[in-house]
Amino acid sequence: MRIHCPLCGARDRREFSYKGAALVRPLAAAEPEAWHAYVNLRENPAGPLAELWYHEMGCGSWLQVTRDTVNHSVLEVVLARDTALGAGA
């Protein structure tokens, strides 16, 4: 699988570390139920899924990769800072 880093171009997936589904983290003061849902309740969809990847062996960018979990095709890659994940940072 190849991932197209917006800063470095197309790279082999071995340069990246998978960090899980791209979910907006609750605020530190959020209720325990919100943290429970964030940490423990995950969907396992067959189809497109937004994931968080770290370009560990490259530029060090955090990426939101939309990948089809059925055939592993990469549908979209954007810098995480340009998404809802990065809006609160």
PDB file of N, CA and C in Angstrom:
ATOM      1  N   MET A   1       0.851  -1.169   0.000  1.00  0.00           N
ATOM      2  CA  MET A   1       0.000   0.000   0.000  1.00  0.00           C
ATOM      3  C   MET A   1       0.898   1.234   0.000  1.00  0.00           C
ATOM      4  N   ARG A   2       0.530   2.219  -0.798  1.00  0.00           N
ATOM      5  CA  ARG A   2       1.265   3.475  -0.853  1.00  0.00           C
ATOM      6  C   ARG A   2       0.363   4.587  -0.342  1.00  0.00           C
ATOM      7  N   ILE A   3       0.963   5.486   0.414  1.00  0.00           N
ATOM      8  CA  ILE A   3       0.251   6.640   0.960  1.00  0.00           C
ATOM      9  C   ILE A   3       0.899   7.884   0.379  1.00  0.00           C
ATOM     10  N   HIS A   4       0.079   8.774  -0.149  1.00  0.00           N
ATOM     11  CA  HIS A   4       0.592  10.012  -0.736  1.00  0.00           C
ATOM     12  C   HIS A   4       0.630  11.098   0.342  1.00  0.00           C
ATOM     13  N   CYS A   5       1.802  11.314   0.925  1.00  0.00           N
ATOM     14  CA  CYS A   5       1.981  12.375   1.921  1.00  0.00           C
ATOM     15  C   CYS A   5       1.867  13.720   1.204  1.00  0.00           C
ATOM     16  N   PRO A   6       1.039  14.640   1.709  1.00  0.00           N
ATOM     17  CA  PRO A   6       0.910  15.950   1.069  1.00  0.00           C
ATOM     18  C   PRO A   6       2.223  16.728   1.006  1.00  0.00           C
ATOM     19  N   LEU A   7       3.173  16.413   1.881  1.00  0.00           N
ATOM     20  CA  LEU A   7       4.448  17.133   1.898  1.00  0.00           C
ATOM     21  C   LEU A   7       5.573  16.397   1.185  1.00  0.00           C
ATOM     22  N   CYS A   8       5.559  15.067   1.188  1.00  0.00           N
ATOM     23  CA  CYS A   8       6.671  14.274   0.666  1.00  0.00           C
ATOM     24  C   CYS A   8       6.356  13.510  -0.613  1.00  0.00           C
ATOM     25  N   GLY A   9       5.080  13.396  -0.958  1.00  0.00           N
ATOM     26  CA  GLY A   9       4.697  12.615  -2.126  1.00  0.00           C
ATOM     27  C   GLY A   9       4.376  11.174  -1.756  1.00  0.00           C
ATOM     28  N   ALA A  10       4.252  10.331  -2.764  1.00  0.00           N
ATOM     29  CA  ALA A  10       3.875   8.929  -2.559  1.00  0.00           C
ATOM     30  C   ALA A  10       5.004   8.171  -1.864  1.00  0.00           C
ATOM     31  N   ARG A  11       4.633   7.439  -0.810  1.00  0.00           N
ATOM     32  CA  ARG A  11       5.600   6.670  -0.034  1.00  0.00           C
ATOM     33  C   ARG A  11       5.002   5.315   0.319  1.00  0.00           C
ATOM     34  N   ASP A  12       5.875   4.345   0.566  1.00  0.00           N
ATOM     35  CA  ASP A  12       5.431   3.030   1.012  1.00  0.00           C
ATOM     36  C   ASP A  12       4.852   3.153   2.413  1.00  0.00           C
ATOM     37  N   ARG A  13       3.828   2.380   2.713  1.00  0.00           N
ATOM     38  CA  ARG A  13       3.159   2.469   4.011  1.00  0.00           C
ATOM     39  C   ARG A  13       4.087   2.136   5.167  1.00  0.00           C
ATOM     40  N   ARG A  14       5.217   1.478   4.931  1.00  0.00           N
ATOM     41  CA  ARG A  14       6.153   1.155   6.011  1.00  0.00           C
ATOM     42  C   ARG A  14       6.826   2.390   6.603  1.00  0.00           C
ATOM     43  N   GLU A  15       6.737   3.531   5.909  1.00  0.00           N
ATOM     44  CA  GLU A  15       7.269   4.782   6.463  1.00  0.00           C
ATOM     45  C   GLU A  15       6.329   5.386   7.502  1.00  0.00           C
ATOM     46  N   PHE A  16       5.110   4.870   7.589  1.00  0.00           N
ATOM     47  CA  PHE A  16       4.066   5.446   8.433  1.00  0.00           C
ATOM     48  C   PHE A  16       3.709   4.513   9.576  1.00  0.00           C
ATOM     49  N   SER A  17       3.228   5.095  10.663  1.00  0.00           N
ATOM     50  CA  SER A  17       2.700   4.323  11.784  1.00  0.00           C
ATOM     51  C   SER A  17       1.206   4.573  11.858  1.00  0.00           C
ATOM     52  N   TYR A  18       0.447   3.490  11.909  1.00  0.00           N
ATOM     53  CA  TYR A  18      -1.003   3.574  12.030  1.00  0.00           C
ATOM     54  C   TYR A  18      -1.357   3.897  13.472  1.00  0.00           C
ATOM     55  N   LYS A  19      -2.213   4.886  13.677  1.00  0.00           N
ATOM     56  CA  LYS A  19      -2.564   5.314  15.033  1.00  0.00           C
ATOM     57  C   LYS A  19      -4.035   5.158  15.354  1.00  0.00           C
ATOM     58  N   GLY A  20      -4.815   4.515  14.494  1.00  0.00           N
ATOM     59  CA  GLY A  20      -6.221   4.253  14.794  1.00  0.00           C
ATOM     60  C   GLY A  20      -7.178   5.124  14.008  1.00  0.00           C
ATOM     61  N   ALA A  21      -8.436   4.935  14.299  1.00  0.00           N
ATOM     62  CA  ALA A  21      -9.488   5.706  13.642  1.00  0.00           C
ATOM     63  C   ALA A  21      -9.335   7.185  13.995  1.00  0.00           C
ATOM     64  N   ALA A  22      -9.614   8.035  13.037  1.00  0.00           N
ATOM     65  CA  ALA A  22      -9.498   9.481  13.241  1.00  0.00           C
ATOM     66  C   ALA A  22     -10.755   9.979  13.945  1.00  0.00           C
ATOM     67  N   LEU A  23     -10.674  10.048  15.263  1.00  0.00           N
ATOM     68  CA  LEU A  23     -11.788  10.496  16.090  1.00  0.00           C
ATOM     69  C   LEU A  23     -11.405  11.766  16.833  1.00  0.00           C
ATOM     70  N   VAL A  24     -12.355  12.656  16.998  1.00  0.00           N
ATOM     71  CA  VAL A  24     -12.108  13.879  17.755  1.00  0.00           C
ATOM     72  C   VAL A  24     -12.059  13.512  19.237  1.00  0.00           C
ATOM     73  N   ARG A  25     -10.955  13.834  19.873  1.00  0.00           N
ATOM     74  CA  ARG A  25     -10.740  13.503  21.285  1.00  0.00           C
ATOM     75  C   ARG A  25     -11.606  14.392  22.177  1.00  0.00           C
ATOM     76  N   PRO A  26     -12.230  13.817  23.204  1.00  0.00           N
ATOM     77  CA  PRO A  26     -13.021  14.643  24.130  1.00  0.00           C
ATOM     78  C   PRO A  26     -12.135  15.641  24.881  1.00  0.00           C
ATOM     79  N   LEU A  27     -12.742  16.706  25.352  1.00  0.00           N
ATOM     80  CA  LEU A  27     -12.012  17.669  26.180  1.00  0.00           C
ATOM     81  C   LEU A  27     -11.602  17.004  27.486  1.00  0.00           C
ATOM     82  N   ALA A  28     -10.559  17.496  28.112  1.00  0.00           N
ATOM     83  CA  ALA A  28     -10.061  16.906  29.357  1.00  0.00           C
ATOM     84  C   ALA A  28     -11.143  16.881  30.441  1.00  0.00           C
ATOM     85  N   ALA A  29     -12.012  17.871  30.443  1.00  0.00           N
ATOM     86  CA  ALA A  29     -13.060  17.955  31.466  1.00  0.00           C
ATOM     87  C   ALA A  29     -14.337  17.204  31.089  1.00  0.00           C
ATOM     88  N   ALA A  30     -14.295  16.440  30.015  1.00  0.00           N
ATOM     89  CA  ALA A  30     -15.492  15.718  29.562  1.00  0.00           C
ATOM     90  C   ALA A  30     -15.916  14.669  30.579  1.00  0.00           C
ATOM     91  N   GLU A  31     -17.176  14.325  30.517  1.00  0.00           N
ATOM     92  CA  GLU A  31     -17.733  13.303  31.402  1.00  0.00           C
ATOM     93  C   GLU A  31     -17.068  11.950  31.141  1.00  0.00           C
ATOM     94  N   PRO A  32     -17.007  11.085  32.150  1.00  0.00           N
ATOM     95  CA  PRO A  32     -16.413   9.755  31.967  1.00  0.00           C
ATOM     96  C   PRO A  32     -17.057   8.956  30.826  1.00  0.00           C
ATOM     97  N   GLU A  33     -18.361   9.147  30.589  1.00  0.00           N
ATOM     98  CA  GLU A  33     -19.038   8.429  29.519  1.00  0.00           C
ATOM     99  C   GLU A  33     -18.454   8.791  28.153  1.00  0.00           C
ATOM    100  N   ALA A  34     -18.094  10.065  27.968  1.00  0.00           N
ATOM    101  CA  ALA A  34     -17.495  10.497  26.703  1.00  0.00           C
ATOM    102  C   ALA A  34     -16.136   9.848  26.500  1.00  0.00           C
ATOM    103  N   TRP A  35     -15.348   9.770  27.575  1.00  0.00           N
ATOM    104  CA  TRP A  35     -14.037   9.120  27.480  1.00  0.00           C
ATOM    105  C   TRP A  35     -14.175   7.621  27.259  1.00  0.00           C
ATOM    106  N   HIS A  36     -15.159   7.004  27.905  1.00  0.00           N
ATOM    107  CA  HIS A  36     -15.401   5.575  27.695  1.00  0.00           C
ATOM    108  C   HIS A  36     -15.722   5.302  26.229  1.00  0.00           C
ATOM    109  N   ALA A  37     -16.589   6.105  25.652  1.00  0.00           N
ATOM    110  CA  ALA A  37     -16.962   5.926  24.249  1.00  0.00           C
ATOM    111  C   ALA A  37     -15.749   6.120  23.339  1.00  0.00           C
ATOM    112  N   TYR A  38     -14.930   7.131  23.616  1.00  0.00           N
ATOM    113  CA  TYR A  38     -13.752   7.427  22.796  1.00  0.00           C
ATOM    114  C   TYR A  38     -12.727   6.293  22.851  1.00  0.00           C
ATOM    115  N   VAL A  39     -12.494   5.758  24.041  1.00  0.00           N
ATOM    116  CA  VAL A  39     -11.453   4.749  24.225  1.00  0.00           C
ATOM    117  C   VAL A  39     -11.922   3.338  23.871  1.00  0.00           C
ATOM    118  N   ASN A  40     -13.156   2.999  24.212  1.00  0.00           N
ATOM    119  CA  ASN A  40     -13.574   1.602  24.147  1.00  0.00           C
ATOM    120  C   ASN A  40     -14.595   1.238  23.076  1.00  0.00           C
ATOM    121  N   LEU A  41     -15.407   2.164  22.644  1.00  0.00           N
ATOM    122  CA  LEU A  41     -16.482   1.832  21.711  1.00  0.00           C
ATOM    123  C   LEU A  41     -16.072   2.213  20.290  1.00  0.00           C
ATOM    124  N   ARG A  42     -15.699   1.225  19.512  1.00  0.00           N
ATOM    125  CA  ARG A  42     -15.235   1.473  18.144  1.00  0.00           C
ATOM    126  C   ARG A  42     -16.088   0.714  17.145  1.00  0.00           C
ATOM    127  N   GLU A  43     -16.304   1.328  16.002  1.00  0.00           N
ATOM    128  CA  GLU A  43     -16.968   0.652  14.907  1.00  0.00           C
ATOM    129  C   GLU A  43     -15.906  -0.069  14.086  1.00  0.00           C
ATOM    130  N   ASN A  44     -16.313  -1.074  13.362  1.00  0.00           N
ATOM    131  CA  ASN A  44     -15.415  -1.806  12.480  1.00  0.00           C
ATOM    132  C   ASN A  44     -16.085  -1.904  11.114  1.00  0.00           C
ATOM    133  N   PRO A  45     -16.170  -0.754  10.411  1.00  0.00           N
ATOM    134  CA  PRO A  45     -16.933  -0.731   9.163  1.00  0.00           C
ATOM    135  C   PRO A  45     -16.206  -1.424   8.014  1.00  0.00           C
ATOM    136  N   ALA A  46     -16.983  -1.956   7.103  1.00  0.00           N
ATOM    137  CA  ALA A  46     -16.449  -2.461   5.844  1.00  0.00           C
ATOM    138  C   ALA A  46     -16.684  -1.361   4.824  1.00  0.00           C
ATOM    139  N   GLY A  47     -15.634  -0.659   4.456  1.00  0.00           N
ATOM    140  CA  GLY A  47     -15.749   0.455   3.518  1.00  0.00           C
ATOM    141  C   GLY A  47     -14.870   1.607   3.958  1.00  0.00           C
ATOM    142  N   PRO A  48     -15.162   2.811   3.496  1.00  0.00           N
ATOM    143  CA  PRO A  48     -14.324   3.966   3.805  1.00  0.00           C
ATOM    144  C   PRO A  48     -14.261   4.273   5.300  1.00  0.00           C
ATOM    145  N   LEU A  49     -13.060   4.539   5.777  1.00  0.00           N
ATOM    146  CA  LEU A  49     -12.831   4.868   7.180  1.00  0.00           C
ATOM    147  C   LEU A  49     -11.720   5.909   7.265  1.00  0.00           C
ATOM    148  N   ALA A  50     -11.952   6.974   8.021  1.00  0.00           N
ATOM    149  CA  ALA A  50     -10.921   7.985   8.255  1.00  0.00           C
ATOM    150  C   ALA A  50     -10.002   7.482   9.359  1.00  0.00           C
ATOM    151  N   GLU A  51      -8.708   7.446   9.080  1.00  0.00           N
ATOM    152  CA  GLU A  51      -7.718   6.929  10.022  1.00  0.00           C
ATOM    153  C   GLU A  51      -6.628   7.973  10.256  1.00  0.00           C
ATOM    154  N   LEU A  52      -5.960   7.837  11.374  1.00  0.00           N
ATOM    155  CA  LEU A  52      -4.856   8.715  11.714  1.00  0.00           C
ATOM    156  C   LEU A  52      -3.543   7.957  11.511  1.00  0.00           C
ATOM    157  N   TRP A  53      -2.654   8.533  10.722  1.00  0.00           N
ATOM    158  CA  TRP A  53      -1.346   7.935  10.449  1.00  0.00           C
ATOM    159  C   TRP A  53      -0.271   8.976  10.748  1.00  0.00           C
ATOM    160  N   TYR A  54       0.895   8.510  11.207  1.00  0.00           N
ATOM    161  CA  TYR A  54       2.026   9.383  11.514  1.00  0.00           C
ATOM    162  C   TYR A  54       3.156   9.056  10.542  1.00  0.00           C
ATOM    163  N   HIS A  55       3.694  10.060   9.855  1.00  0.00           N
ATOM    164  CA  HIS A  55       4.785   9.837   8.901  1.00  0.00           C
ATOM    165  C   HIS A  55       6.110   9.778   9.663  1.00  0.00           C
ATOM    166  N   GLU A  56       6.288   8.659  10.327  1.00  0.00           N
ATOM    167  CA  GLU A  56       7.402   8.452  11.243  1.00  0.00           C
ATOM    168  C   GLU A  56       8.764   8.483  10.550  1.00  0.00           C
ATOM    169  N   MET A  57       8.887   7.847   9.418  1.00  0.00           N
ATOM    170  CA  MET A  57      10.172   7.759   8.725  1.00  0.00           C
ATOM    171  C   MET A  57      10.304   8.820   7.631  1.00  0.00           C
ATOM    172  N   GLY A  58       9.558   9.898   7.782  1.00  0.00           N
ATOM    173  CA  GLY A  58       9.579  10.964   6.789  1.00  0.00           C
ATOM    174  C   GLY A  58       9.556  12.309   7.467  1.00  0.00           C
ATOM    175  N   CYS A  59       8.567  13.120   7.125  1.00  0.00           N
ATOM    176  CA  CYS A  59       8.507  14.508   7.574  1.00  0.00           C
ATOM    177  C   CYS A  59       7.937  14.682   8.980  1.00  0.00           C
ATOM    178  N   GLY A  60       7.424  13.622   9.581  1.00  0.00           N
ATOM    179  CA  GLY A  60       6.868  13.730  10.931  1.00  0.00           C
ATOM    180  C   GLY A  60       5.467  14.308  10.983  1.00  0.00           C
ATOM    181  N   SER A  61       4.787  14.341   9.863  1.00  0.00           N
ATOM    182  CA  SER A  61       3.428  14.886   9.829  1.00  0.00           C
ATOM    183  C   SER A  61       2.401  13.867  10.299  1.00  0.00           C
ATOM    184  N   TRP A  62       1.335  14.381  10.904  1.00  0.00           N
ATOM    185  CA  TRP A  62       0.167  13.576  11.234  1.00  0.00           C
ATOM    186  C   TRP A  62      -0.795  13.716  10.070  1.00  0.00           C
ATOM    187  N   LEU A  63      -1.290  12.585   9.563  1.00  0.00           N
ATOM    188  CA  LEU A  63      -2.156  12.583   8.391  1.00  0.00           C
ATOM    189  C   LEU A  63      -3.498  11.933   8.709  1.00  0.00           C
ATOM    190  N   GLN A  64      -4.536  12.453   8.099  1.00  0.00           N
ATOM    191  CA  GLN A  64      -5.824  11.767   8.129  1.00  0.00           C
ATOM    192  C   GLN A  64      -5.955  11.073   6.783  1.00  0.00           C
ATOM    193  N   VAL A  65      -5.943   9.750   6.818  1.00  0.00           N
ATOM    194  CA  VAL A  65      -6.012   8.935   5.615  1.00  0.00           C
ATOM    195  C   VAL A  65      -7.392   8.294   5.565  1.00  0.00           C
ATOM    196  N   THR A  66      -8.125   8.532   4.481  1.00  0.00           N
ATOM    197  CA  THR A  66      -9.399   7.844   4.278  1.00  0.00           C
ATOM    198  C   THR A  66      -9.095   6.632   3.419  1.00  0.00           C
ATOM    199  N   ARG A  67      -9.341   5.447   4.010  1.00  0.00           N
ATOM    200  CA  ARG A  67      -8.972   4.190   3.374  1.00  0.00           C
ATOM    201  C   ARG A  67     -10.182   3.275   3.326  1.00  0.00           C
ATOM    202  N   ASP A  68     -10.320   2.557   2.216  1.00  0.00           N
ATOM    203  CA  ASP A  68     -11.374   1.550   2.102  1.00  0.00           C
ATOM    204  C   ASP A  68     -10.868   0.290   2.798  1.00  0.00           C
ATOM    205  N   THR A  69     -11.534  -0.110   3.873  1.00  0.00           N
ATOM    206  CA  THR A  69     -11.073  -1.248   4.659  1.00  0.00           C
ATOM    207  C   THR A  69     -11.316  -2.588   3.973  1.00  0.00           C
ATOM    208  N   VAL A  70     -12.093  -2.594   2.903  1.00  0.00           N
ATOM    209  CA  VAL A  70     -12.352  -3.835   2.172  1.00  0.00           C
ATOM    210  C   VAL A  70     -11.182  -4.182   1.267  1.00  0.00           C
ATOM    211  N   ASN A  71     -10.695  -3.199   0.496  1.00  0.00           N
ATOM    212  CA  ASN A  71      -9.621  -3.478  -0.467  1.00  0.00           C
ATOM    213  C   ASN A  71      -8.330  -2.701  -0.185  1.00  0.00           C
ATOM    214  N   HIS A  72      -8.282  -1.966   0.917  1.00  0.00           N
ATOM    215  CA  HIS A  72      -7.110  -1.205   1.368  1.00  0.00           C
ATOM    216  C   HIS A  72      -6.708  -0.069   0.429  1.00  0.00           C
ATOM    217  N   SER A  73      -7.589   0.334  -0.469  1.00  0.00           N
ATOM    218  CA  SER A  73      -7.244   1.451  -1.343  1.00  0.00           C
ATOM    219  C   SER A  73      -7.339   2.756  -0.554  1.00  0.00           C
ATOM    220  N   VAL A  74      -6.384   3.631  -0.801  1.00  0.00           N
ATOM    221  CA  VAL A  74      -6.352   4.942  -0.148  1.00  0.00           C
ATOM    222  C   VAL A  74      -7.181   5.896  -0.996  1.00  0.00           C
ATOM    223  N   LEU A  75      -8.204   6.486  -0.384  1.00  0.00           N
ATOM    224  CA  LEU A  75      -9.125   7.356  -1.103  1.00  0.00           C
ATOM    225  C   LEU A  75      -8.742   8.830  -0.999  1.00  0.00           C
ATOM    226  N   GLU A  76      -8.193   9.241   0.159  1.00  0.00           N
ATOM    227  CA  GLU A  76      -7.827  10.641   0.371  1.00  0.00           C
ATOM    228  C   GLU A  76      -6.806  10.736   1.499  1.00  0.00           C
ATOM    229  N   VAL A  77      -5.886  11.681   1.363  1.00  0.00           N
ATOM    230  CA  VAL A  77      -4.911  11.952   2.421  1.00  0.00           C
ATOM    231  C   VAL A  77      -4.831  13.458   2.608  1.00  0.00           C
ATOM    232  N   VAL A  78      -5.013  13.920   3.843  1.00  0.00           N
ATOM    233  CA  VAL A  78      -4.877  15.337   4.164  1.00  0.00           C
ATOM    234  C   VAL A  78      -4.077  15.462   5.461  1.00  0.00           C
ATOM    235  N   LEU A  79      -3.455  16.595   5.648  1.00  0.00           N
ATOM    236  CA  LEU A  79      -2.774  16.850   6.908  1.00  0.00           C
ATOM    237  C   LEU A  79      -3.818  16.910   8.017  1.00  0.00           C
ATOM    238  N   ALA A  80      -3.565  16.234   9.116  1.00  0.00           N
ATOM    239  CA  ALA A  80      -4.535  16.202  10.217  1.00  0.00           C
ATOM    240  C   ALA A  80      -4.822  17.600  10.742  1.00  0.00           C
ATOM    241  N   ARG A  81      -3.841  18.482  10.695  1.00  0.00           N
ATOM    242  CA  ARG A  81      -4.057  19.847  11.203  1.00  0.00           C
ATOM    243  C   ARG A  81      -5.094  20.609  10.380  1.00  0.00           C
ATOM    244  N   ASP A  82      -5.378  20.134   9.163  1.00  0.00           N
ATOM    245  CA  ASP A  82      -6.347  20.787   8.287  1.00  0.00           C
ATOM    246  C   ASP A  82      -7.741  20.181   8.413  1.00  0.00           C
ATOM    247  N   THR A  83      -7.947  19.317   9.403  1.00  0.00           N
ATOM    248  CA  THR A  83      -9.227  18.644   9.602  1.00  0.00           C
ATOM    249  C   THR A  83      -9.816  19.033  10.953  1.00  0.00           C
ATOM    250  N   ALA A  84     -10.962  18.458  11.269  1.00  0.00           N
ATOM    251  CA  ALA A  84     -11.595  18.694  12.575  1.00  0.00           C
ATOM    252  C   ALA A  84     -10.687  18.220  13.705  1.00  0.00           C
ATOM    253  N   LEU A  85      -9.823  17.233  13.451  1.00  0.00           N
ATOM    254  CA  LEU A  85      -8.895  16.754  14.484  1.00  0.00           C
ATOM    255  C   LEU A  85      -7.924  17.838  14.892  1.00  0.00           C
ATOM    256  N   GLY A  86      -7.470  18.608  13.920  1.00  0.00           N
ATOM    257  CA  GLY A  86      -6.491  19.647  14.203  1.00  0.00           C
ATOM    258  C   GLY A  86      -7.088  20.985  14.586  1.00  0.00           C
ATOM    259  N   ALA A  87      -8.393  21.122  14.444  1.00  0.00           N
ATOM    260  CA  ALA A  87      -9.035  22.402  14.723  1.00  0.00           C
ATOM    261  C   ALA A  87      -8.917  22.808  16.183  1.00  0.00           C
ATOM    262  N   GLY A  88      -8.922  21.838  17.074  1.00  0.00           N
ATOM    263  CA  GLY A  88      -8.842  22.156  18.496  1.00  0.00           C
ATOM    264  C   GLY A  88      -7.433  22.246  19.023  1.00  0.00           C
ATOM    265  N   ALA A  89      -6.461  21.938  18.190  1.00  0.00           N
ATOM    266  CA  ALA A  89      -5.059  21.943  18.649  1.00  0.00           C
ATOM    267  C   ALA A  89      -4.429  23.306  18.585  1.00  0.00           C
TER     268      ALA A  89
END
